[in-house]
Amino acid sequence: RRSPYNEWLKAQGYPGPNPWQDHANAGVGPDGEILSGWYLRN
């Protein structure tokens, strides 16, 4: 299904096809790398 939340994030300027995964549920490492929330250590 089309995610209403993802579509809203895109409208706010969050980049990428899946800002839910890359922004709402991920951090940023010291070198700008994505720290995915799927990894428990993050």
Full PDB file with SEQRES, HELIX, SHEET, SSBOND, CRYST1, ORIGX, SCALE, CONECT and MASTER records, all heavy atoms in Angstrom:
SEQRES   1 A   42  ARG ARG SER PRO TYR ASN GLU TRP LEU LYS ALA GLN GLY          
SEQRES   2 A   42  TYR PRO GLY PRO ASN PRO TRP GLN ASP HIS ALA ASN ALA          
SEQRES   3 A   42  GLY VAL GLY PRO ASP GLY GLU ILE LEU SER GLY TRP TYR          
SEQRES   4 A   42  LEU ARG ASN                                                  
HELIX    1 AA1 PRO A    4  ALA A   11  1                                   8    
HELIX    2 AA2 PRO A   19  PRO A   19  1                                   1    
HELIX    3 AA3 TRP A   20  ALA A   24  3                                   5    
SHEET    1 AA1 2 ALA A  26  VAL A  28  0                                        
SHEET    2 AA1 2 ILE A  34  SER A  36 -1                                        
CRYST1    1.000    1.000    1.000  90.00  90.00  90.00 P 1           1          
ORIGX1      1.000000  0.000000  0.000000        0.00000                         
ORIGX2      0.000000  1.000000  0.000000        0.00000                         
ORIGX3      0.000000  0.000000  1.000000        0.00000                         
SCALE1      1.000000  0.000000  0.000000        0.00000                         
SCALE2      0.000000  1.000000  0.000000        0.00000                         
SCALE3      0.000000  0.000000  1.000000        0.00000                         
ATOM      1  N   ARG A   1       0.837  -1.203   0.000  1.00  0.00           N  
ATOM      2  CA  ARG A   1       0.000   0.000   0.000  1.00  0.00           C  
ATOM      3  C   ARG A   1       0.876   1.259   0.000  1.00  0.00           C  
ATOM      4  O   ARG A   1       2.005   1.228   0.463  1.00  0.00           O  
ATOM      5  CB  ARG A   1      -0.916   0.017   1.234  1.00  0.00           C  
ATOM      6  CG  ARG A   1      -1.973  -1.049   1.211  1.00  0.00           C  
ATOM      7  CD  ARG A   1      -2.786  -1.051   2.492  1.00  0.00           C  
ATOM      8  NE  ARG A   1      -1.967  -1.368   3.647  1.00  0.00           N  
ATOM      9  CZ  ARG A   1      -1.720  -0.506   4.630  1.00  0.00           C  
ATOM     10  NH1 ARG A   1      -2.238   0.703   4.609  1.00  0.00           N  
ATOM     11  NH2 ARG A   1      -0.966  -0.869   5.648  1.00  0.00           N  
ATOM     12  N   ARG A   2       0.340   2.323  -0.514  1.00  0.00           N  
ATOM     13  CA  ARG A   2       1.074   3.592  -0.537  1.00  0.00           C  
ATOM     14  C   ARG A   2       1.084   4.180   0.870  1.00  0.00           C  
ATOM     15  O   ARG A   2       0.033   4.375   1.475  1.00  0.00           O  
ATOM     16  CB  ARG A   2       0.412   4.558  -1.514  1.00  0.00           C  
ATOM     17  CG  ARG A   2       1.305   5.706  -1.951  1.00  0.00           C  
ATOM     18  CD  ARG A   2       0.592   6.524  -3.032  1.00  0.00           C  
ATOM     19  NE  ARG A   2       1.445   7.572  -3.562  1.00  0.00           N  
ATOM     20  CZ  ARG A   2       2.252   7.410  -4.598  1.00  0.00           C  
ATOM     21  NH1 ARG A   2       2.310   6.231  -5.187  1.00  0.00           N  
ATOM     22  NH2 ARG A   2       2.984   8.418  -5.031  1.00  0.00           N  
ATOM     23  N   SER A   3       2.251   4.466   1.397  1.00  0.00           N  
ATOM     24  CA  SER A   3       2.376   4.962   2.766  1.00  0.00           C  
ATOM     25  C   SER A   3       2.020   6.436   2.845  1.00  0.00           C  
ATOM     26  O   SER A   3       2.713   7.282   2.260  1.00  0.00           O  
ATOM     27  CB  SER A   3       3.809   4.762   3.271  1.00  0.00           C  
ATOM     28  OG  SER A   3       4.072   5.592   4.377  1.00  0.00           O  
ATOM     29  N   PRO A   4       0.954   6.787   3.570  1.00  0.00           N  
ATOM     30  CA  PRO A   4       0.636   8.226   3.701  1.00  0.00           C  
ATOM     31  C   PRO A   4       1.731   8.989   4.423  1.00  0.00           C  
ATOM     32  O   PRO A   4       1.977  10.161   4.121  1.00  0.00           O  
ATOM     33  CB  PRO A   4      -0.673   8.219   4.483  1.00  0.00           C  
ATOM     34  CG  PRO A   4      -0.701   6.903   5.189  1.00  0.00           C  
ATOM     35  CD  PRO A   4       0.021   5.941   4.305  1.00  0.00           C  
ATOM     36  N   TYR A   5       2.403   8.322   5.363  1.00  0.00           N  
ATOM     37  CA  TYR A   5       3.467   8.994   6.102  1.00  0.00           C  
ATOM     38  C   TYR A   5       4.680   9.247   5.208  1.00  0.00           C  
ATOM     39  O   TYR A   5       5.273  10.329   5.222  1.00  0.00           O  
ATOM     40  CB  TYR A   5       3.850   8.158   7.320  1.00  0.00           C  
ATOM     41  CG  TYR A   5       4.985   8.734   8.139  1.00  0.00           C  
ATOM     42  CD1 TYR A   5       4.878   9.983   8.734  1.00  0.00           C  
ATOM     43  CD2 TYR A   5       6.169   8.018   8.311  1.00  0.00           C  
ATOM     44  CE1 TYR A   5       5.911  10.521   9.485  1.00  0.00           C  
ATOM     45  CE2 TYR A   5       7.209   8.536   9.069  1.00  0.00           C  
ATOM     46  CZ  TYR A   5       7.081   9.795   9.656  1.00  0.00           C  
ATOM     47  OH  TYR A   5       8.106  10.310  10.400  1.00  0.00           O  
ATOM     48  N   ASN A   6       5.047   8.251   4.401  1.00  0.00           N  
ATOM     49  CA  ASN A   6       6.170   8.438   3.491  1.00  0.00           C  
ATOM     50  C   ASN A   6       5.890   9.557   2.492  1.00  0.00           C  
ATOM     51  O   ASN A   6       6.771  10.375   2.185  1.00  0.00           O  
ATOM     52  CB  ASN A   6       6.458   7.130   2.742  1.00  0.00           C  
ATOM     53  CG  ASN A   6       7.782   6.502   3.173  1.00  0.00           C  
ATOM     54  OD1 ASN A   6       8.617   7.148   3.779  1.00  0.00           O  
ATOM     55  ND2 ASN A   6       7.958   5.237   2.849  1.00  0.00           N  
ATOM     56  N   GLU A   7       4.673   9.586   1.974  1.00  0.00           N  
ATOM     57  CA  GLU A   7       4.332  10.641   1.023  1.00  0.00           C  
ATOM     58  C   GLU A   7       4.405  12.016   1.685  1.00  0.00           C  
ATOM     59  O   GLU A   7       4.843  12.996   1.080  1.00  0.00           O  
ATOM     60  CB  GLU A   7       2.929  10.396   0.445  1.00  0.00           C  
ATOM     61  CG  GLU A   7       2.807   9.112  -0.353  1.00  0.00           C  
ATOM     62  CD  GLU A   7       3.830   9.010  -1.464  1.00  0.00           C  
ATOM     63  OE1 GLU A   7       3.948   9.970  -2.251  1.00  0.00           O  
ATOM     64  OE2 GLU A   7       4.533   7.976  -1.543  1.00  0.00           O  
ATOM     65  N   TRP A   8       3.996  12.087   2.944  1.00  0.00           N  
ATOM     66  CA  TRP A   8       4.069  13.357   3.667  1.00  0.00           C  
ATOM     67  C   TRP A   8       5.524  13.768   3.884  1.00  0.00           C  
ATOM     68  O   TRP A   8       5.874  14.945   3.725  1.00  0.00           O  
ATOM     69  CB  TRP A   8       3.335  13.226   4.997  1.00  0.00           C  
ATOM     70  CG  TRP A   8       3.301  14.499   5.777  1.00  0.00           C  
ATOM     71  CD1 TRP A   8       2.428  15.544   5.643  1.00  0.00           C  
ATOM     72  CD2 TRP A   8       4.210  14.874   6.830  1.00  0.00           C  
ATOM     73  NE1 TRP A   8       2.732  16.538   6.541  1.00  0.00           N  
ATOM     74  CE2 TRP A   8       3.809  16.157   7.282  1.00  0.00           C  
ATOM     75  CE3 TRP A   8       5.298  14.258   7.429  1.00  0.00           C  
ATOM     76  CZ2 TRP A   8       4.477  16.825   8.302  1.00  0.00           C  
ATOM     77  CZ3 TRP A   8       5.970  14.920   8.452  1.00  0.00           C  
ATOM     78  CH2 TRP A   8       5.566  16.193   8.877  1.00  0.00           C  
ATOM     79  N   LEU A   9       6.385  12.796   4.247  1.00  0.00           N  
ATOM     80  CA  LEU A   9       7.801  13.116   4.447  1.00  0.00           C  
ATOM     81  C   LEU A   9       8.430  13.651   3.162  1.00  0.00           C  
ATOM     82  O   LEU A   9       9.219  14.604   3.191  1.00  0.00           O  
ATOM     83  CB  LEU A   9       8.563  11.870   4.917  1.00  0.00           C  
ATOM     84  CG  LEU A   9       8.330  11.411   6.353  1.00  0.00           C  
ATOM     85  CD1 LEU A   9       9.112  10.131   6.634  1.00  0.00           C  
ATOM     86  CD2 LEU A   9       8.714  12.482   7.369  1.00  0.00           C  
ATOM     87  N   LYS A  10       8.081  13.049   2.042  1.00  0.00           N  
ATOM     88  CA  LYS A  10       8.617  13.532   0.765  1.00  0.00           C  
ATOM     89  C   LYS A  10       8.176  14.972   0.517  1.00  0.00           C  
ATOM     90  O   LYS A  10       8.957  15.800   0.021  1.00  0.00           O  
ATOM     91  CB  LYS A  10       8.154  12.621  -0.367  1.00  0.00           C  
ATOM     92  CG  LYS A  10       8.743  11.222  -0.307  1.00  0.00           C  
ATOM     93  CD  LYS A  10       8.118  10.334  -1.376  1.00  0.00           C  
ATOM     94  CE  LYS A  10       8.564   8.884  -1.235  1.00  0.00           C  
ATOM     95  NZ  LYS A  10       7.907   8.000  -2.232  1.00  0.00           N  
ATOM     96  N   ALA A  11       6.926  15.272   0.861  1.00  0.00           N  
ATOM     97  CA  ALA A  11       6.416  16.631   0.671  1.00  0.00           C  
ATOM     98  C   ALA A  11       7.128  17.635   1.565  1.00  0.00           C  
ATOM     99  O   ALA A  11       7.175  18.834   1.246  1.00  0.00           O  
ATOM    100  CB  ALA A  11       4.905  16.661   0.933  1.00  0.00           C  
ATOM    101  N   GLN A  12       7.701  17.162   2.678  1.00  0.00           N  
ATOM    102  CA  GLN A  12       8.448  18.052   3.574  1.00  0.00           C  
ATOM    103  C   GLN A  12       9.892  18.234   3.135  1.00  0.00           C  
ATOM    104  O   GLN A  12      10.646  18.973   3.784  1.00  0.00           O  
ATOM    105  CB  GLN A  12       8.431  17.510   5.014  1.00  0.00           C  
ATOM    106  CG  GLN A  12       7.053  17.235   5.579  1.00  0.00           C  
ATOM    107  CD  GLN A  12       6.085  18.370   5.386  1.00  0.00           C  
ATOM    108  OE1 GLN A  12       6.350  19.495   5.826  1.00  0.00           O  
ATOM    109  NE2 GLN A  12       4.964  18.092   4.715  1.00  0.00           N  
ATOM    110  N   GLY A  13      10.286  17.547   2.063  1.00  0.00           N  
ATOM    111  CA  GLY A  13      11.640  17.716   1.540  1.00  0.00           C  
ATOM    112  C   GLY A  13      12.617  16.627   1.924  1.00  0.00           C  
ATOM    113  O   GLY A  13      13.809  16.729   1.596  1.00  0.00           O  
ATOM    114  N   TYR A  14      12.173  15.602   2.616  1.00  0.00           N  
ATOM    115  CA  TYR A  14      13.085  14.500   2.934  1.00  0.00           C  
ATOM    116  C   TYR A  14      13.387  13.723   1.657  1.00  0.00           C  
ATOM    117  O   TYR A  14      12.467  13.314   0.932  1.00  0.00           O  
ATOM    118  CB  TYR A  14      12.469  13.583   3.994  1.00  0.00           C  
ATOM    119  CG  TYR A  14      12.423  14.205   5.362  1.00  0.00           C  
ATOM    120  CD1 TYR A  14      11.293  14.894   5.795  1.00  0.00           C  
ATOM    121  CD2 TYR A  14      13.520  14.139   6.222  1.00  0.00           C  
ATOM    122  CE1 TYR A  14      11.248  15.493   7.044  1.00  0.00           C  
ATOM    123  CE2 TYR A  14      13.481  14.726   7.471  1.00  0.00           C  
ATOM    124  CZ  TYR A  14      12.350  15.406   7.879  1.00  0.00           C  
ATOM    125  OH  TYR A  14      12.307  16.002   9.118  1.00  0.00           O  
ATOM    126  N   PRO A  15      14.659  13.483   1.354  1.00  0.00           N  
ATOM    127  CA  PRO A  15      15.023  12.885   0.061  1.00  0.00           C  
ATOM    128  C   PRO A  15      14.912  11.362   0.069  1.00  0.00           C  
ATOM    129  O   PRO A  15      14.809  10.730   1.121  1.00  0.00           O  
ATOM    130  CB  PRO A  15      16.484  13.317  -0.103  1.00  0.00           C  
ATOM    131  CG  PRO A  15      16.995  13.398   1.306  1.00  0.00           C  
ATOM    132  CD  PRO A  15      15.836  13.890   2.143  1.00  0.00           C  
ATOM    133  N   GLY A  16      14.946  10.815  -1.140  1.00  0.00           N  
ATOM    134  CA  GLY A  16      14.984   9.377  -1.312  1.00  0.00           C  
ATOM    135  C   GLY A  16      13.605   8.772  -1.463  1.00  0.00           C  
ATOM    136  O   GLY A  16      12.592   9.377  -1.106  1.00  0.00           O  
ATOM    137  N   PRO A  17      13.557   7.535  -1.989  1.00  0.00           N  
ATOM    138  CA  PRO A  17      12.270   6.865  -2.210  1.00  0.00           C  
ATOM    139  C   PRO A  17      11.603   6.376  -0.935  1.00  0.00           C  
ATOM    140  O   PRO A  17      10.402   6.134  -0.921  1.00  0.00           O  
ATOM    141  CB  PRO A  17      12.642   5.690  -3.126  1.00  0.00           C  
ATOM    142  CG  PRO A  17      14.084   5.415  -2.798  1.00  0.00           C  
ATOM    143  CD  PRO A  17      14.700   6.740  -2.494  1.00  0.00           C  
ATOM    144  N   ASN A  18      12.375   6.237   0.154  1.00  0.00           N  
ATOM    145  CA  ASN A  18      11.802   5.695   1.398  1.00  0.00           C  
ATOM    146  C   ASN A  18      12.354   6.452   2.601  1.00  0.00           C  
ATOM    147  O   ASN A  18      13.177   5.930   3.360  1.00  0.00           O  
ATOM    148  CB  ASN A  18      12.109   4.203   1.536  1.00  0.00           C  
ATOM    149  CG  ASN A  18      11.299   3.520   2.633  1.00  0.00           C  
ATOM    150  OD1 ASN A  18      10.763   4.186   3.512  1.00  0.00           O  
ATOM    151  ND2 ASN A  18      11.219   2.204   2.590  1.00  0.00           N  
ATOM    152  N   PRO A  19      11.923   7.701   2.806  1.00  0.00           N  
ATOM    153  CA  PRO A  19      12.421   8.453   3.963  1.00  0.00           C  
ATOM    154  C   PRO A  19      12.027   7.830   5.297  1.00  0.00           C  
ATOM    155  O   PRO A  19      12.674   8.098   6.307  1.00  0.00           O  
ATOM    156  CB  PRO A  19      11.810   9.842   3.778  1.00  0.00           C  
ATOM    157  CG  PRO A  19      10.668   9.650   2.833  1.00  0.00           C  
ATOM    158  CD  PRO A  19      11.023   8.500   1.961  1.00  0.00           C  
ATOM    159  N   TRP A  20      10.950   7.016   5.334  1.00  0.00           N  
ATOM    160  CA  TRP A  20      10.629   6.287   6.569  1.00  0.00           C  
ATOM    161  C   TRP A  20      11.824   5.454   7.003  1.00  0.00           C  
ATOM    162  O   TRP A  20      12.182   5.420   8.185  1.00  0.00           O  
ATOM    163  CB  TRP A  20       9.417   5.383   6.351  1.00  0.00           C  
ATOM    164  CG  TRP A  20       9.098   4.514   7.525  1.00  0.00           C  
ATOM    165  CD1 TRP A  20       8.276   4.811   8.570  1.00  0.00           C  
ATOM    166  CD2 TRP A  20       9.603   3.194   7.799  1.00  0.00           C  
ATOM    167  NE1 TRP A  20       8.237   3.770   9.478  1.00  0.00           N  
ATOM    168  CE2 TRP A  20       9.054   2.758   9.019  1.00  0.00           C  
ATOM    169  CE3 TRP A  20      10.485   2.347   7.129  1.00  0.00           C  
ATOM    170  CZ2 TRP A  20       9.344   1.523   9.581  1.00  0.00           C  
ATOM    171  CZ3 TRP A  20      10.775   1.106   7.692  1.00  0.00           C  
ATOM    172  CH2 TRP A  20      10.199   0.709   8.907  1.00  0.00           C  
ATOM    173  N   GLN A  21      12.439   4.779   6.047  1.00  0.00           N  
ATOM    174  CA  GLN A  21      13.543   3.882   6.362  1.00  0.00           C  
ATOM    175  C   GLN A  21      14.857   4.618   6.549  1.00  0.00           C  
ATOM    176  O   GLN A  21      15.650   4.278   7.438  1.00  0.00           O  
ATOM    177  CB  GLN A  21      13.678   2.836   5.243  1.00  0.00           C  
ATOM    178  CG  GLN A  21      14.687   1.735   5.507  1.00  0.00           C  
ATOM    179  CD  GLN A  21      14.445   0.533   4.610  1.00  0.00           C  
ATOM    180  OE1 GLN A  21      13.702  -0.374   4.955  1.00  0.00           O  
ATOM    181  NE2 GLN A  21      15.065   0.529   3.452  1.00  0.00           N  
ATOM    182  N   ASP A  22      15.102   5.648   5.728  1.00  0.00           N  
ATOM    183  CA  ASP A  22      16.406   6.309   5.717  1.00  0.00           C  
ATOM    184  C   ASP A  22      16.508   7.514   6.641  1.00  0.00           C  
ATOM    185  O   ASP A  22      17.624   7.992   6.887  1.00  0.00           O  
ATOM    186  CB  ASP A  22      16.751   6.753   4.286  1.00  0.00           C  
ATOM    187  CG  ASP A  22      16.918   5.569   3.348  1.00  0.00           C  
ATOM    188  OD1 ASP A  22      17.159   4.452   3.843  1.00  0.00           O  
ATOM    189  OD2 ASP A  22      16.794   5.759   2.118  1.00  0.00           O  
ATOM    190  N   HIS A  23      15.364   8.013   7.151  1.00  0.00           N  
ATOM    191  CA  HIS A  23      15.396   9.198   8.016  1.00  0.00           C  
ATOM    192  C   HIS A  23      14.668   8.961   9.335  1.00  0.00           C  
ATOM    193  O   HIS A  23      15.261   9.108  10.406  1.00  0.00           O  
ATOM    194  CB  HIS A  23      14.810  10.411   7.283  1.00  0.00           C  
ATOM    195  CG  HIS A  23      15.690  10.922   6.194  1.00  0.00           C  
ATOM    196  ND1 HIS A  23      16.678  11.854   6.405  1.00  0.00           N  
ATOM    197  CD2 HIS A  23      15.754  10.591   4.874  1.00  0.00           C  
ATOM    198  CE1 HIS A  23      17.306  12.104   5.276  1.00  0.00           C  
ATOM    199  NE2 HIS A  23      16.768  11.349   4.327  1.00  0.00           N  
ATOM    200  N   ALA A  24      13.364   8.628   9.261  1.00  0.00           N  
ATOM    201  CA  ALA A  24      12.596   8.452  10.491  1.00  0.00           C  
ATOM    202  C   ALA A  24      13.112   7.296  11.322  1.00  0.00           C  
ATOM    203  O   ALA A  24      12.949   7.280  12.547  1.00  0.00           O  
ATOM    204  CB  ALA A  24      11.120   8.245  10.159  1.00  0.00           C  
ATOM    205  N   ASN A  25      13.747   6.319  10.677  1.00  0.00           N  
ATOM    206  CA  ASN A  25      14.206   5.124  11.391  1.00  0.00           C  
ATOM    207  C   ASN A  25      15.678   4.835  11.132  1.00  0.00           C  
ATOM    208  O   ASN A  25      16.096   3.673  11.041  1.00  0.00           O  
ATOM    209  CB  ASN A  25      13.336   3.933  11.004  1.00  0.00           C  
ATOM    210  CG  ASN A  25      11.953   4.019  11.611  1.00  0.00           C  
ATOM    211  OD1 ASN A  25      11.746   3.733  12.785  1.00  0.00           O  
ATOM    212  ND2 ASN A  25      10.984   4.472  10.809  1.00  0.00           N  
ATOM    213  N   ALA A  26      16.450   5.898  11.045  1.00  0.00           N  
ATOM    214  CA  ALA A  26      17.893   5.761  10.871  1.00  0.00           C  
ATOM    215  C   ALA A  26      18.593   6.986  11.433  1.00  0.00           C  
ATOM    216  O   ALA A  26      18.036   8.087  11.429  1.00  0.00           O  
ATOM    217  CB  ALA A  26      18.254   5.579   9.396  1.00  0.00           C  
ATOM    218  N   GLY A  27      19.809   6.785  11.928  1.00  0.00           N  
ATOM    219  CA  GLY A  27      20.633   7.888  12.390  1.00  0.00           C  
ATOM    220  C   GLY A  27      21.691   8.228  11.358  1.00  0.00           C  
ATOM    221  O   GLY A  27      21.668   7.738  10.223  1.00  0.00           O  
ATOM    222  N   VAL A  28      22.638   9.077  11.757  1.00  0.00           N  
ATOM    223  CA  VAL A  28      23.733   9.482  10.877  1.00  0.00           C  
ATOM    224  C   VAL A  28      25.050   9.243  11.595  1.00  0.00           C  
ATOM    225  O   VAL A  28      25.226   9.648  12.751  1.00  0.00           O  
ATOM    226  CB  VAL A  28      23.615  10.972  10.479  1.00  0.00           C  
ATOM    227  CG1 VAL A  28      24.762  11.352   9.546  1.00  0.00           C  
ATOM    228  CG2 VAL A  28      22.281  11.240   9.812  1.00  0.00           C  
ATOM    229  N   GLY A  29      25.981   8.576  10.901  1.00  0.00           N  
ATOM    230  CA  GLY A  29      27.291   8.306  11.468  1.00  0.00           C  
ATOM    231  C   GLY A  29      28.232   9.484  11.351  1.00  0.00           C  
ATOM    232  O   GLY A  29      27.899  10.509  10.724  1.00  0.00           O  
ATOM    233  N   PRO A  30      29.437   9.370  11.923  1.00  0.00           N  
ATOM    234  CA  PRO A  30      30.386  10.496  11.933  1.00  0.00           C  
ATOM    235  C   PRO A  30      30.830  10.915  10.539  1.00  0.00           C  
ATOM    236  O   PRO A  30      31.228  12.072  10.324  1.00  0.00           O  
ATOM    237  CB  PRO A  30      31.558   9.956  12.756  1.00  0.00           C  
ATOM    238  CG  PRO A  30      31.405   8.465  12.741  1.00  0.00           C  
ATOM    239  CD  PRO A  30      29.947   8.210  12.653  1.00  0.00           C  
ATOM    240  N   ASP A  31      30.753  10.014   9.577  1.00  0.00           N  
ATOM    241  CA  ASP A  31      31.153  10.342   8.215  1.00  0.00           C  
ATOM    242  C   ASP A  31      29.943  10.551   7.304  1.00  0.00           C  
ATOM    243  O   ASP A  31      30.052  10.494   6.077  1.00  0.00           O  
ATOM    244  CB  ASP A  31      32.044   9.231   7.650  1.00  0.00           C  
ATOM    245  CG  ASP A  31      33.335   9.070   8.438  1.00  0.00           C  
ATOM    246  OD1 ASP A  31      33.905  10.115   8.838  1.00  0.00           O  
ATOM    247  OD2 ASP A  31      33.749   7.925   8.675  1.00  0.00           O  
ATOM    248  N   GLY A  32      28.769  10.777   7.908  1.00  0.00           N  
ATOM    249  CA  GLY A  32      27.571  11.022   7.135  1.00  0.00           C  
ATOM    250  C   GLY A  32      26.856   9.780   6.653  1.00  0.00           C  
ATOM    251  O   GLY A  32      25.881   9.876   5.906  1.00  0.00           O  
ATOM    252  N   GLU A  33      27.314   8.620   7.086  1.00  0.00           N  
ATOM    253  CA  GLU A  33      26.697   7.377   6.642  1.00  0.00           C  
ATOM    254  C   GLU A  33      25.384   7.123   7.382  1.00  0.00           C  
ATOM    255  O   GLU A  33      25.196   7.565   8.515  1.00  0.00           O  
ATOM    256  CB  GLU A  33      27.644   6.193   6.838  1.00  0.00           C  
ATOM    257  CG  GLU A  33      27.897   5.783   8.286  1.00  0.00           C  
ATOM    258  CD  GLU A  33      29.017   6.555   8.961  1.00  0.00           C  
ATOM    259  OE1 GLU A  33      29.359   7.660   8.487  1.00  0.00           O  
ATOM    260  OE2 GLU A  33      29.551   6.050   9.968  1.00  0.00           O  
ATOM    261  N   ILE A  34      24.476   6.420   6.710  1.00  0.00           N  
ATOM    262  CA  ILE A  34      23.206   6.050   7.330  1.00  0.00           C  
ATOM    263  C   ILE A  34      23.450   4.973   8.375  1.00  0.00           C  
ATOM    264  O   ILE A  34      24.113   3.969   8.114  1.00  0.00           O  
ATOM    265  CB  ILE A  34      22.210   5.547   6.261  1.00  0.00           C  
ATOM    266  CG1 ILE A  34      21.761   6.694   5.364  1.00  0.00           C  
ATOM    267  CG2 ILE A  34      21.002   4.895   6.918  1.00  0.00           C  
ATOM    268  CD1 ILE A  34      20.850   6.254   4.224  1.00  0.00           C  
ATOM    269  N   LEU A  35      22.916   5.207   9.573  1.00  0.00           N  
ATOM    270  CA  LEU A  35      22.955   4.206  10.644  1.00  0.00           C  
ATOM    271  C   LEU A  35      21.547   3.626  10.783  1.00  0.00           C  
ATOM    272  O   LEU A  35      20.707   4.173  11.491  1.00  0.00           O  
ATOM    273  CB  LEU A  35      23.417   4.838  11.961  1.00  0.00           C  
ATOM    274  CG  LEU A  35      24.812   5.463  11.973  1.00  0.00           C  
ATOM    275  CD1 LEU A  35      25.106   6.086  13.341  1.00  0.00           C  
ATOM    276  CD2 LEU A  35      25.878   4.425  11.629  1.00  0.00           C  
ATOM    277  N   SER A  36      21.298   2.548  10.093  1.00  0.00           N  
ATOM    278  CA  SER A  36      19.940   2.002  10.051  1.00  0.00           C  
ATOM    279  C   SER A  36      19.475   1.548  11.428  1.00  0.00           C  
ATOM    280  O   SER A  36      20.189   0.846  12.149  1.00  0.00           O  
ATOM    281  CB  SER A  36      19.885   0.813   9.087  1.00  0.00           C  
ATOM    282  OG  SER A  36      18.627   0.173   9.144  1.00  0.00           O  
ATOM    283  N   GLY A  37      18.236   1.939  11.753  1.00  0.00           N  
ATOM    284  CA  GLY A  37      17.646   1.501  13.013  1.00  0.00           C  
ATOM    285  C   GLY A  37      17.346   0.017  13.045  1.00  0.00           C  
ATOM    286  O   GLY A  37      17.063  -0.528  14.117  1.00  0.00           O  
ATOM    287  N   TRP A  38      17.393  -0.643  11.877  1.00  0.00           N  
ATOM    288  CA  TRP A  38      17.197  -2.099  11.871  1.00  0.00           C  
ATOM    289  C   TRP A  38      18.318  -2.809  12.620  1.00  0.00           C  
ATOM    290  O   TRP A  38      18.109  -3.902  13.146  1.00  0.00           O  
ATOM    291  CB  TRP A  38      17.117  -2.621  10.446  1.00  0.00           C  
ATOM    292  CG  TRP A  38      15.844  -2.287   9.744  1.00  0.00           C  
ATOM    293  CD1 TRP A  38      15.690  -1.490   8.648  1.00  0.00           C  
ATOM    294  CD2 TRP A  38      14.532  -2.737  10.087  1.00  0.00           C  
ATOM    295  NE1 TRP A  38      14.373  -1.410   8.277  1.00  0.00           N  
ATOM    296  CE2 TRP A  38      13.634  -2.171   9.151  1.00  0.00           C  
ATOM    297  CE3 TRP A  38      14.018  -3.555  11.078  1.00  0.00           C  
ATOM    298  CZ2 TRP A  38      12.257  -2.405   9.184  1.00  0.00           C  
ATOM    299  CZ3 TRP A  38      12.654  -3.793  11.118  1.00  0.00           C  
ATOM    300  CH2 TRP A  38      11.799  -3.221  10.184  1.00  0.00           C  
ATOM    301  N   TYR A  39      19.506  -2.211  12.668  1.00  0.00           N  
ATOM    302  CA  TYR A  39      20.616  -2.803  13.408  1.00  0.00           C  
ATOM    303  C   TYR A  39      20.516  -2.375  14.863  1.00  0.00           C  
ATOM    304  O   TYR A  39      20.555  -1.188  15.179  1.00  0.00           O  
ATOM    305  CB  TYR A  39      21.955  -2.370  12.823  1.00  0.00           C  
ATOM    306  CG  TYR A  39      22.120  -2.730  11.361  1.00  0.00           C  
ATOM    307  CD1 TYR A  39      22.467  -1.758  10.426  1.00  0.00           C  
ATOM    308  CD2 TYR A  39      21.920  -4.035  10.924  1.00  0.00           C  
ATOM    309  CE1 TYR A  39      22.613  -2.077   9.092  1.00  0.00           C  
ATOM    310  CE2 TYR A  39      22.059  -4.362   9.584  1.00  0.00           C  
ATOM    311  CZ  TYR A  39      22.405  -3.385   8.671  1.00  0.00           C  
ATOM    312  OH  TYR A  39      22.544  -3.707   7.344  1.00  0.00           O  
ATOM    313  N   LEU A  40      20.371  -3.346  15.749  1.00  0.00           N  
ATOM    314  CA  LEU A  40      20.113  -3.033  17.152  1.00  0.00           C  
ATOM    315  C   LEU A  40      21.204  -2.170  17.767  1.00  0.00           C  
ATOM    316  O   LEU A  40      20.930  -1.359  18.652  1.00  0.00           O  
ATOM    317  CB  LEU A  40      19.934  -4.330  17.944  1.00  0.00           C  
ATOM    318  CG  LEU A  40      18.743  -5.204  17.524  1.00  0.00           C  
ATOM    319  CD1 LEU A  40      18.714  -6.496  18.341  1.00  0.00           C  
ATOM    320  CD2 LEU A  40      17.430  -4.449  17.672  1.00  0.00           C  
ATOM    321  N   ARG A  41      22.431  -2.329  17.298  1.00  0.00           N  
ATOM    322  CA  ARG A  41      23.518  -1.539  17.880  1.00  0.00           C  
ATOM    323  C   ARG A  41      23.357  -0.047  17.605  1.00  0.00           C  
ATOM    324  O   ARG A  41      23.976   0.790  18.275  1.00  0.00           O  
ATOM    325  CB  ARG A  41      24.861  -2.035  17.355  1.00  0.00           C  
ATOM    326  CG  ARG A  41      25.088  -1.735  15.882  1.00  0.00           C  
ATOM    327  CD  ARG A  41      26.455  -2.209  15.436  1.00  0.00           C  
ATOM    328  NE  ARG A  41      26.725  -1.862  14.041  1.00  0.00           N  
ATOM    329  CZ  ARG A  41      27.868  -2.161  13.426  1.00  0.00           C  
ATOM    330  NH1 ARG A  41      28.810  -2.818  14.079  1.00  0.00           N  
ATOM    331  NH2 ARG A  41      28.047  -1.803  12.171  1.00  0.00           N  
ATOM    332  N   ASN A  42      22.539   0.313  16.594  1.00  0.00           N  
ATOM    333  CA  ASN A  42      22.323   1.723  16.260  1.00  0.00           C  
ATOM    334  C   ASN A  42      21.160   2.339  17.011  1.00  0.00           C  
ATOM    335  O   ASN A  42      20.828   3.509  16.782  1.00  0.00           O  
ATOM    336  CB  ASN A  42      22.078   1.870  14.758  1.00  0.00           C  
ATOM    337  CG  ASN A  42      23.305   1.557  13.926  1.00  0.00           C  
ATOM    338  OD1 ASN A  42      24.433   1.673  14.404  1.00  0.00           O  
ATOM    339  ND2 ASN A  42      23.093   1.153  12.681  1.00  0.00           N  
TER     340      ASN A  42                                                      
MASTER        0    0    0    3    2    0    0    6  339    1    0    4          
END                                                                             
